[in-house]
Amino acid sequence: MEDMEDKINQILVYTLLAAKNVLTLEDTSLLTGLSKSHLYKLTCNHQIPHYKPNGKQLYFDRAEIEAWMKQGKVNTIDESEQMAAVYLAKASRK
């Protein structure tokens, strides 16, 4: 019975998280899968977009965090081959 209650609570937490645009440190940790201590390190080094309106509490914008998570995209082999073909086609025109 306790296992079912835990699952229901977890569903509730993720449902509430999905509805938020402004995230707390805890929310951002859940969203990204990063530990709170790692998020603190990223904020201290200005490597992740964040807000500190009162000089104490950290907040994050969901859209900015999602964009940050999508940085450093690694191309698929097909994408790389396409880029190479376009480059070679342009180079041969010169």
PDB file of N, CA and C in Angstrom:
ATOM      1  N   MET A   1       0.822  -1.199   0.000  1.00  0.00           N
ATOM      2  CA  MET A   1       0.000   0.000   0.000  1.00  0.00           C
ATOM      3  C   MET A   1       0.866   1.263   0.000  1.00  0.00           C
ATOM      4  N   GLU A   2       1.964   1.218   0.742  1.00  0.00           N
ATOM      5  CA  GLU A   2       2.857   2.365   0.812  1.00  0.00           C
ATOM      6  C   GLU A   2       3.490   2.651  -0.548  1.00  0.00           C
ATOM      7  N   ASP A   3       3.799   1.589  -1.289  1.00  0.00           N
ATOM      8  CA  ASP A   3       4.395   1.749  -2.615  1.00  0.00           C
ATOM      9  C   ASP A   3       3.437   2.486  -3.546  1.00  0.00           C
ATOM     10  N   MET A   4       2.164   2.169  -3.476  1.00  0.00           N
ATOM     11  CA  MET A   4       1.154   2.836  -4.304  1.00  0.00           C
ATOM     12  C   MET A   4       1.041   4.305  -3.914  1.00  0.00           C
ATOM     13  N   GLU A   5       1.089   4.590  -2.637  1.00  0.00           N
ATOM     14  CA  GLU A   5       1.015   5.970  -2.151  1.00  0.00           C
ATOM     15  C   GLU A   5       2.230   6.776  -2.619  1.00  0.00           C
ATOM     16  N   ASP A   6       3.402   6.158  -2.593  1.00  0.00           N
ATOM     17  CA  ASP A   6       4.617   6.821  -3.072  1.00  0.00           C
ATOM     18  C   ASP A   6       4.502   7.154  -4.558  1.00  0.00           C
ATOM     19  N   LYS A   7       3.969   6.232  -5.317  1.00  0.00           N
ATOM     20  CA  LYS A   7       3.809   6.462  -6.759  1.00  0.00           C
ATOM     21  C   LYS A   7       2.810   7.585  -7.026  1.00  0.00           C
ATOM     22  N   ILE A   8       1.738   7.610  -6.269  1.00  0.00           N
ATOM     23  CA  ILE A   8       0.737   8.679  -6.425  1.00  0.00           C
ATOM     24  C   ILE A   8       1.355  10.030  -6.073  1.00  0.00           C
ATOM     25  N   ASN A   9       2.126  10.081  -5.003  1.00  0.00           N
ATOM     26  CA  ASN A   9       2.803  11.325  -4.608  1.00  0.00           C
ATOM     27  C   ASN A   9       3.802  11.768  -5.669  1.00  0.00           C
ATOM     28  N   GLN A  10       4.515  10.823  -6.260  1.00  0.00           N
ATOM     29  CA  GLN A  10       5.480  11.148  -7.298  1.00  0.00           C
ATOM     30  C   GLN A  10       4.763  11.700  -8.540  1.00  0.00           C
ATOM     31  N   ILE A  11       3.649  11.115  -8.908  1.00  0.00           N
ATOM     32  CA  ILE A  11       2.855  11.610 -10.038  1.00  0.00           C
ATOM     33  C   ILE A  11       2.369  13.023  -9.751  1.00  0.00           C
ATOM     34  N   LEU A  12       1.940  13.277  -8.544  1.00  0.00           N
ATOM     35  CA  LEU A  12       1.476  14.609  -8.152  1.00  0.00           C
ATOM     36  C   LEU A  12       2.604  15.637  -8.261  1.00  0.00           C
ATOM     37  N   VAL A  13       3.789  15.282  -7.788  1.00  0.00           N
ATOM     38  CA  VAL A  13       4.940  16.184  -7.843  1.00  0.00           C
ATOM     39  C   VAL A  13       5.275  16.531  -9.294  1.00  0.00           C
ATOM     40  N   TYR A  14       5.329  15.523 -10.163  1.00  0.00           N
ATOM     41  CA  TYR A  14       5.666  15.773 -11.567  1.00  0.00           C
ATOM     42  C   TYR A  14       4.558  16.521 -12.295  1.00  0.00           C
ATOM     43  N   THR A  15       3.320  16.313 -11.918  1.00  0.00           N
ATOM     44  CA  THR A  15       2.205  17.047 -12.516  1.00  0.00           C
ATOM     45  C   THR A  15       2.286  18.522 -12.148  1.00  0.00           C
ATOM     46  N   LEU A  16       2.555  18.809 -10.881  1.00  0.00           N
ATOM     47  CA  LEU A  16       2.705  20.197 -10.443  1.00  0.00           C
ATOM     48  C   LEU A  16       3.918  20.851 -11.103  1.00  0.00           C
ATOM     49  N   LEU A  17       5.005  20.112 -11.248  1.00  0.00           N
ATOM     50  CA  LEU A  17       6.210  20.629 -11.887  1.00  0.00           C
ATOM     51  C   LEU A  17       5.937  21.000 -13.348  1.00  0.00           C
ATOM     52  N   ALA A  18       5.158  20.188 -14.040  1.00  0.00           N
ATOM     53  CA  ALA A  18       4.856  20.440 -15.453  1.00  0.00           C
ATOM     54  C   ALA A  18       4.076  21.737 -15.653  1.00  0.00           C
ATOM     55  N   ALA A  19       3.342  22.169 -14.639  1.00  0.00           N
ATOM     56  CA  ALA A  19       2.516  23.372 -14.753  1.00  0.00           C
ATOM     57  C   ALA A  19       3.283  24.650 -14.417  1.00  0.00           C
ATOM     58  N   LYS A  20       4.506  24.528 -13.912  1.00  0.00           N
ATOM     59  CA  LYS A  20       5.263  25.699 -13.467  1.00  0.00           C
ATOM     60  C   LYS A  20       6.153  26.265 -14.566  1.00  0.00           C
ATOM     61  N   ASN A  21       6.245  27.591 -14.626  1.00  0.00           N
ATOM     62  CA  ASN A  21       7.188  28.259 -15.518  1.00  0.00           C
ATOM     63  C   ASN A  21       8.385  28.812 -14.757  1.00  0.00           C
ATOM     64  N   VAL A  22       8.169  29.190 -13.513  1.00  0.00           N
ATOM     65  CA  VAL A  22       9.244  29.661 -12.639  1.00  0.00           C
ATOM     66  C   VAL A  22       9.547  28.526 -11.668  1.00  0.00           C
ATOM     67  N   LEU A  23      10.788  28.097 -11.667  1.00  0.00           N
ATOM     68  CA  LEU A  23      11.179  26.910 -10.909  1.00  0.00           C
ATOM     69  C   LEU A  23      12.089  27.251  -9.737  1.00  0.00           C
ATOM     70  N   THR A  24      11.942  26.504  -8.674  1.00  0.00           N
ATOM     71  CA  THR A  24      12.858  26.601  -7.539  1.00  0.00           C
ATOM     72  C   THR A  24      14.066  25.704  -7.819  1.00  0.00           C
ATOM     73  N   LEU A  25      15.027  25.729  -6.928  1.00  0.00           N
ATOM     74  CA  LEU A  25      16.191  24.858  -7.059  1.00  0.00           C
ATOM     75  C   LEU A  25      15.754  23.391  -7.077  1.00  0.00           C
ATOM     76  N   GLU A  26      14.841  23.041  -6.199  1.00  0.00           N
ATOM     77  CA  GLU A  26      14.353  21.665  -6.118  1.00  0.00           C
ATOM     78  C   GLU A  26      13.659  21.256  -7.417  1.00  0.00           C
ATOM     79  N   ASP A  27      12.824  22.155  -7.956  1.00  0.00           N
ATOM     80  CA  ASP A  27      12.128  21.887  -9.214  1.00  0.00           C
ATOM     81  C   ASP A  27      13.133  21.667 -10.339  1.00  0.00           C
ATOM     82  N   THR A  28      14.142  22.521 -10.389  1.00  0.00           N
ATOM     83  CA  THR A  28      15.140  22.455 -11.452  1.00  0.00           C
ATOM     84  C   THR A  28      15.952  21.172 -11.342  1.00  0.00           C
ATOM     85  N   SER A  29      16.209  20.745 -10.122  1.00  0.00           N
ATOM     86  CA  SER A  29      16.910  19.486  -9.906  1.00  0.00           C
ATOM     87  C   SER A  29      16.083  18.322 -10.449  1.00  0.00           C
ATOM     88  N   LEU A  30      14.793  18.330 -10.182  1.00  0.00           N
ATOM     89  CA  LEU A  30      13.911  17.287 -10.711  1.00  0.00           C
ATOM     90  C   LEU A  30      13.852  17.322 -12.234  1.00  0.00           C
ATOM     91  N   LEU A  31      13.733  18.514 -12.792  1.00  0.00           N
ATOM     92  CA  LEU A  31      13.608  18.673 -14.241  1.00  0.00           C
ATOM     93  C   LEU A  31      14.870  18.222 -14.971  1.00  0.00           C
ATOM     94  N   THR A  32      16.023  18.610 -14.467  1.00  0.00           N
ATOM     95  CA  THR A  32      17.289  18.329 -15.161  1.00  0.00           C
ATOM     96  C   THR A  32      17.924  17.003 -14.765  1.00  0.00           C
ATOM     97  N   GLY A  33      17.600  16.522 -13.582  1.00  0.00           N
ATOM     98  CA  GLY A  33      18.252  15.318 -13.078  1.00  0.00           C
ATOM     99  C   GLY A  33      19.591  15.617 -12.431  1.00  0.00           C
ATOM    100  N   LEU A  34      19.920  16.916 -12.304  1.00  0.00           N
ATOM    101  CA  LEU A  34      21.175  17.318 -11.669  1.00  0.00           C
ATOM    102  C   LEU A  34      20.961  17.497 -10.167  1.00  0.00           C
ATOM    103  N   SER A  35      21.991  17.223  -9.394  1.00  0.00           N
ATOM    104  CA  SER A  35      21.880  17.395  -7.947  1.00  0.00           C
ATOM    105  C   SER A  35      21.811  18.882  -7.602  1.00  0.00           C
ATOM    106  N   LYS A  36      21.271  19.179  -6.441  1.00  0.00           N
ATOM    107  CA  LYS A  36      21.189  20.565  -5.982  1.00  0.00           C
ATOM    108  C   LYS A  36      22.585  21.168  -5.839  1.00  0.00           C
ATOM    109  N   SER A  37      23.531  20.380  -5.334  1.00  0.00           N
ATOM    110  CA  SER A  37      24.891  20.908  -5.150  1.00  0.00           C
ATOM    111  C   SER A  37      25.527  21.230  -6.502  1.00  0.00           C
ATOM    112  N   HIS A  38      25.255  20.424  -7.513  1.00  0.00           N
ATOM    113  CA  HIS A  38      25.805  20.711  -8.839  1.00  0.00           C
ATOM    114  C   HIS A  38      25.152  21.964  -9.425  1.00  0.00           C
ATOM    115  N   LEU A  39      23.855  22.126  -9.210  1.00  0.00           N
ATOM    116  CA  LEU A  39      23.171  23.338  -9.670  1.00  0.00           C
ATOM    117  C   LEU A  39      23.729  24.578  -8.973  1.00  0.00           C
ATOM    118  N   TYR A  40      24.002  24.484  -7.675  1.00  0.00           N
ATOM    119  CA  TYR A  40      24.629  25.610  -6.965  1.00  0.00           C
ATOM    120  C   TYR A  40      25.969  25.966  -7.604  1.00  0.00           C
ATOM    121  N   LYS A  41      26.757  24.945  -7.917  1.00  0.00           N
ATOM    122  CA  LYS A  41      28.064  25.167  -8.535  1.00  0.00           C
ATOM    123  C   LYS A  41      27.897  25.864  -9.889  1.00  0.00           C
ATOM    124  N   LEU A  42      26.928  25.425 -10.679  1.00  0.00           N
ATOM    125  CA  LEU A  42      26.681  26.036 -11.986  1.00  0.00           C
ATOM    126  C   LEU A  42      26.243  27.493 -11.856  1.00  0.00           C
ATOM    127  N   THR A  43      25.423  27.782 -10.842  1.00  0.00           N
ATOM    128  CA  THR A  43      24.979  29.170 -10.651  1.00  0.00           C
ATOM    129  C   THR A  43      26.139  30.044 -10.178  1.00  0.00           C
ATOM    130  N   CYS A  44      26.952  29.528  -9.293  1.00  0.00           N
ATOM    131  CA  CYS A  44      28.103  30.296  -8.797  1.00  0.00           C
ATOM    132  C   CYS A  44      29.075  30.635  -9.916  1.00  0.00           C
ATOM    133  N   ASN A  45      29.208  29.725 -10.878  1.00  0.00           N
ATOM    134  CA  ASN A  45      30.123  29.929 -12.005  1.00  0.00           C
ATOM    135  C   ASN A  45      29.429  30.576 -13.202  1.00  0.00           C
ATOM    136  N   HIS A  46      28.181  31.003 -13.012  1.00  0.00           N
ATOM    137  CA  HIS A  46      27.399  31.661 -14.067  1.00  0.00           C
ATOM    138  C   HIS A  46      27.329  30.815 -15.334  1.00  0.00           C
ATOM    139  N   GLN A  47      27.108  29.510 -15.164  1.00  0.00           N
ATOM    140  CA  GLN A  47      27.046  28.590 -16.293  1.00  0.00           C
ATOM    141  C   GLN A  47      25.619  28.158 -16.616  1.00  0.00           C
ATOM    142  N   ILE A  48      24.674  28.581 -15.804  1.00  0.00           N
ATOM    143  CA  ILE A  48      23.273  28.224 -16.024  1.00  0.00           C
ATOM    144  C   ILE A  48      22.442  29.482 -15.769  1.00  0.00           C
ATOM    145  N   PRO A  49      21.446  29.748 -16.624  1.00  0.00           N
ATOM    146  CA  PRO A  49      20.634  30.951 -16.408  1.00  0.00           C
ATOM    147  C   PRO A  49      19.794  30.827 -15.135  1.00  0.00           C
ATOM    148  N   HIS A  50      19.835  31.863 -14.316  1.00  0.00           N
ATOM    149  CA  HIS A  50      19.086  31.829 -13.061  1.00  0.00           C
ATOM    150  C   HIS A  50      18.780  33.250 -12.592  1.00  0.00           C
ATOM    151  N   TYR A  51      17.917  33.342 -11.601  1.00  0.00           N
ATOM    152  CA  TYR A  51      17.508  34.626 -11.028  1.00  0.00           C
ATOM    153  C   TYR A  51      17.649  34.549  -9.521  1.00  0.00           C
ATOM    154  N   LYS A  52      18.025  35.668  -8.933  1.00  0.00           N
ATOM    155  CA  LYS A  52      18.196  35.769  -7.486  1.00  0.00           C
ATOM    156  C   LYS A  52      17.632  37.124  -7.059  1.00  0.00           C
ATOM    157  N   PRO A  53      16.283  37.276  -7.117  1.00  0.00           N
ATOM    158  CA  PRO A  53      15.669  38.589  -6.916  1.00  0.00           C
ATOM    159  C   PRO A  53      15.877  39.186  -5.530  1.00  0.00           C
ATOM    160  N   ASN A  54      15.950  38.361  -4.515  1.00  0.00           N
ATOM    161  CA  ASN A  54      16.098  38.886  -3.158  1.00  0.00           C
ATOM    162  C   ASN A  54      17.513  38.674  -2.613  1.00  0.00           C
ATOM    163  N   GLY A  55      18.405  38.236  -3.510  1.00  0.00           N
ATOM    164  CA  GLY A  55      19.776  38.000  -3.093  1.00  0.00           C
ATOM    165  C   GLY A  55      19.967  36.713  -2.323  1.00  0.00           C
ATOM    166  N   LYS A  56      18.907  35.945  -2.174  1.00  0.00           N
ATOM    167  CA  LYS A  56      18.989  34.732  -1.374  1.00  0.00           C
ATOM    168  C   LYS A  56      18.434  33.517  -2.126  1.00  0.00           C
ATOM    169  N   GLN A  57      17.162  33.544  -2.441  1.00  0.00           N
ATOM    170  CA  GLN A  57      16.481  32.418  -3.090  1.00  0.00           C
ATOM    171  C   GLN A  57      16.799  32.377  -4.584  1.00  0.00           C
ATOM    172  N   LEU A  58      17.080  31.185  -5.105  1.00  0.00           N
ATOM    173  CA  LEU A  58      17.346  31.002  -6.529  1.00  0.00           C
ATOM    174  C   LEU A  58      16.068  30.602  -7.258  1.00  0.00           C
ATOM    175  N   TYR A  59      15.888  31.175  -8.439  1.00  0.00           N
ATOM    176  CA  TYR A  59      14.778  30.804  -9.305  1.00  0.00           C
ATOM    177  C   TYR A  59      15.302  30.574 -10.706  1.00  0.00           C
ATOM    178  N   PHE A  60      14.582  29.764 -11.460  1.00  0.00           N
ATOM    179  CA  PHE A  60      14.968  29.426 -12.816  1.00  0.00           C
ATOM    180  C   PHE A  60      13.739  29.526 -13.712  1.00  0.00           C
ATOM    181  N   ASP A  61      13.945  29.967 -14.945  1.00  0.00           N
ATOM    182  CA  ASP A  61      12.877  30.026 -15.928  1.00  0.00           C
ATOM    183  C   ASP A  61      12.885  28.713 -16.711  1.00  0.00           C
ATOM    184  N   ARG A  62      11.752  28.038 -16.752  1.00  0.00           N
ATOM    185  CA  ARG A  62      11.673  26.723 -17.389  1.00  0.00           C
ATOM    186  C   ARG A  62      12.182  26.766 -18.835  1.00  0.00           C
ATOM    187  N   ALA A  63      11.717  27.733 -19.626  1.00  0.00           N
ATOM    188  CA  ALA A  63      12.115  27.807 -21.039  1.00  0.00           C
ATOM    189  C   ALA A  63      13.623  27.996 -21.172  1.00  0.00           C
ATOM    190  N   GLU A  64      14.208  28.831 -20.311  1.00  0.00           N
ATOM    191  CA  GLU A  64      15.655  29.053 -20.359  1.00  0.00           C
ATOM    192  C   GLU A  64      16.422  27.790 -19.971  1.00  0.00           C
ATOM    193  N   ILE A  65      15.921  27.064 -18.982  1.00  0.00           N
ATOM    194  CA  ILE A  65      16.581  25.824 -18.554  1.00  0.00           C
ATOM    195  C   ILE A  65      16.491  24.776 -19.662  1.00  0.00           C
ATOM    196  N   GLU A  66      15.325  24.673 -20.285  1.00  0.00           N
ATOM    197  CA  GLU A  66      15.174  23.707 -21.377  1.00  0.00           C
ATOM    198  C   GLU A  66      16.087  24.062 -22.545  1.00  0.00           C
ATOM    199  N   ALA A  67      16.211  25.357 -22.867  1.00  0.00           N
ATOM    200  CA  ALA A  67      17.126  25.788 -23.931  1.00  0.00           C
ATOM    201  C   ALA A  67      18.575  25.500 -23.535  1.00  0.00           C
ATOM    202  N   TRP A  68      18.908  25.750 -22.281  1.00  0.00           N
ATOM    203  CA  TRP A  68      20.256  25.480 -21.771  1.00  0.00           C
ATOM    204  C   TRP A  68      20.579  23.991 -21.889  1.00  0.00           C
ATOM    205  N   MET A  69      19.594  23.147 -21.583  1.00  0.00           N
ATOM    206  CA  MET A  69      19.796  21.695 -21.650  1.00  0.00           C
ATOM    207  C   MET A  69      20.023  21.229 -23.090  1.00  0.00           C
ATOM    208  N   LYS A  70      19.513  21.987 -24.051  1.00  0.00           N
ATOM    209  CA  LYS A  70      19.640  21.599 -25.461  1.00  0.00           C
ATOM    210  C   LYS A  70      20.905  22.130 -26.118  1.00  0.00           C
ATOM    211  N   GLN A  71      21.744  22.839 -25.379  1.00  0.00           N
ATOM    212  CA  GLN A  71      23.000  23.350 -25.936  1.00  0.00           C
ATOM    213  C   GLN A  71      23.957  22.195 -26.195  1.00  0.00           C
ATOM    214  N   GLY A  72      24.873  22.421 -27.115  1.00  0.00           N
ATOM    215  CA  GLY A  72      25.908  21.413 -27.378  1.00  0.00           C
ATOM    216  C   GLY A  72      25.378  20.190 -28.092  1.00  0.00           C
ATOM    217  N   LYS A  73      24.413  20.397 -28.983  1.00  0.00           N
ATOM    218  CA  LYS A  73      23.819  19.282 -29.717  1.00  0.00           C
ATOM    219  C   LYS A  73      24.893  18.547 -30.512  1.00  0.00           C
ATOM    220  N   VAL A  74      24.829  17.238 -30.486  1.00  0.00           N
ATOM    221  CA  VAL A  74      25.734  16.398 -31.262  1.00  0.00           C
ATOM    222  C   VAL A  74      24.956  15.918 -32.483  1.00  0.00           C
ATOM    223  N   ASN A  75      25.488  16.220 -33.664  1.00  0.00           N
ATOM    224  CA  ASN A  75      24.812  15.837 -34.898  1.00  0.00           C
ATOM    225  C   ASN A  75      24.838  14.325 -35.100  1.00  0.00           C
ATOM    226  N   THR A  76      23.797  13.835 -35.764  1.00  0.00           N
ATOM    227  CA  THR A  76      23.775  12.426 -36.147  1.00  0.00           C
ATOM    228  C   THR A  76      24.720  12.243 -37.334  1.00  0.00           C
ATOM    229  N   ILE A  77      25.012  11.019 -37.667  1.00  0.00           N
ATOM    230  CA  ILE A  77      25.880  10.741 -38.812  1.00  0.00           C
ATOM    231  C   ILE A  77      25.243  11.300 -40.083  1.00  0.00           C
ATOM    232  N   ASP A  78      23.924  11.124 -40.225  1.00  0.00           N
ATOM    233  CA  ASP A  78      23.227  11.647 -41.411  1.00  0.00           C
ATOM    234  C   ASP A  78      23.352  13.166 -41.503  1.00  0.00           C
ATOM    235  N   GLU A  79      23.179  13.864 -40.379  1.00  0.00           N
ATOM    236  CA  GLU A  79      23.305  15.326 -40.375  1.00  0.00           C
ATOM    237  C   GLU A  79      24.725  15.749 -40.751  1.00  0.00           C
ATOM    238  N   SER A  80      25.723  15.072 -40.231  1.00  0.00           N
ATOM    239  CA  SER A  80      27.123  15.387 -40.542  1.00  0.00           C
ATOM    240  C   SER A  80      27.416  15.148 -42.013  1.00  0.00           C
ATOM    241  N   GLU A  81      26.896  14.042 -42.554  1.00  0.00           N
ATOM    242  CA  GLU A  81      27.110  13.742 -43.973  1.00  0.00           C
ATOM    243  C   GLU A  81      26.428  14.786 -44.859  1.00  0.00           C
ATOM    244  N   GLN A  82      25.251  15.224 -44.458  1.00  0.00           N
ATOM    245  CA  GLN A  82      24.541  16.264 -45.203  1.00  0.00           C
ATOM    246  C   GLN A  82      25.336  17.567 -45.200  1.00  0.00           C
ATOM    247  N   MET A  83      25.856  17.939 -44.035  1.00  0.00           N
ATOM    248  CA  MET A  83      26.652  19.164 -43.926  1.00  0.00           C
ATOM    249  C   MET A  83      27.913  19.059 -44.779  1.00  0.00           C
ATOM    250  N   ALA A  84      28.533  17.887 -44.797  1.00  0.00           N
ATOM    251  CA  ALA A  84      29.741  17.681 -45.593  1.00  0.00           C
ATOM    252  C   ALA A  84      29.417  17.792 -47.084  1.00  0.00           C
ATOM    253  N   ALA A  85      28.298  17.228 -47.503  1.00  0.00           N
ATOM    254  CA  ALA A  85      27.891  17.289 -48.911  1.00  0.00           C
ATOM    255  C   ALA A  85      27.639  18.730 -49.334  1.00  0.00           C
ATOM    256  N   VAL A  86      26.983  19.503 -48.490  1.00  0.00           N
ATOM    257  CA  VAL A  86      26.713  20.910 -48.792  1.00  0.00           C
ATOM    258  C   VAL A  86      28.030  21.675 -48.871  1.00  0.00           C
ATOM    259  N   TYR A  87      28.933  21.421 -47.955  1.00  0.00           N
ATOM    260  CA  TYR A  87      30.239  22.088 -47.954  1.00  0.00           C
ATOM    261  C   TYR A  87      31.002  21.771 -49.238  1.00  0.00           C
ATOM    262  N   LEU A  88      31.026  20.494 -49.605  1.00  0.00           N
ATOM    263  CA  LEU A  88      31.758  20.093 -50.813  1.00  0.00           C
ATOM    264  C   LEU A  88      31.123  20.699 -52.068  1.00  0.00           C
ATOM    265  N   ALA A  89      29.803  20.767 -52.099  1.00  0.00           N
ATOM    266  CA  ALA A  89      29.118  21.349 -53.250  1.00  0.00           C
ATOM    267  C   ALA A  89      29.467  22.828 -53.384  1.00  0.00           C
ATOM    268  N   LYS A  90      29.506  23.536 -52.280  1.00  0.00           N
ATOM    269  CA  LYS A  90      29.856  24.962 -52.300  1.00  0.00           C
ATOM    270  C   LYS A  90      31.323  25.160 -52.661  1.00  0.00           C
ATOM    271  N   ALA A  91      32.192  24.298 -52.167  1.00  0.00           N
ATOM    272  CA  ALA A  91      33.624  24.405 -52.419  1.00  0.00           C
ATOM    273  C   ALA A  91      33.949  24.132 -53.883  1.00  0.00           C
ATOM    274  N   SER A  92      33.200  23.233 -54.510  1.00  0.00           N
ATOM    275  CA  SER A  92      33.486  22.893 -55.903  1.00  0.00           C
ATOM    276  C   SER A  92      33.047  23.992 -56.865  1.00  0.00           C
ATOM    277  N   ARG A  93      32.194  24.894 -56.432  1.00  0.00           N
ATOM    278  CA  ARG A  93      31.734  26.016 -57.267  1.00  0.00           C
ATOM    279  C   ARG A  93      32.792  27.111 -57.381  1.00  0.00           C
ATOM    280  N   LYS A  94      33.717  27.138 -56.439  1.00  0.00           N
ATOM    281  CA  LYS A  94      34.715  28.211 -56.399  1.00  0.00           C
ATOM    282  C   LYS A  94      35.783  28.022 -57.439  1.00  0.00           C
TER     283      LYS A  94
END
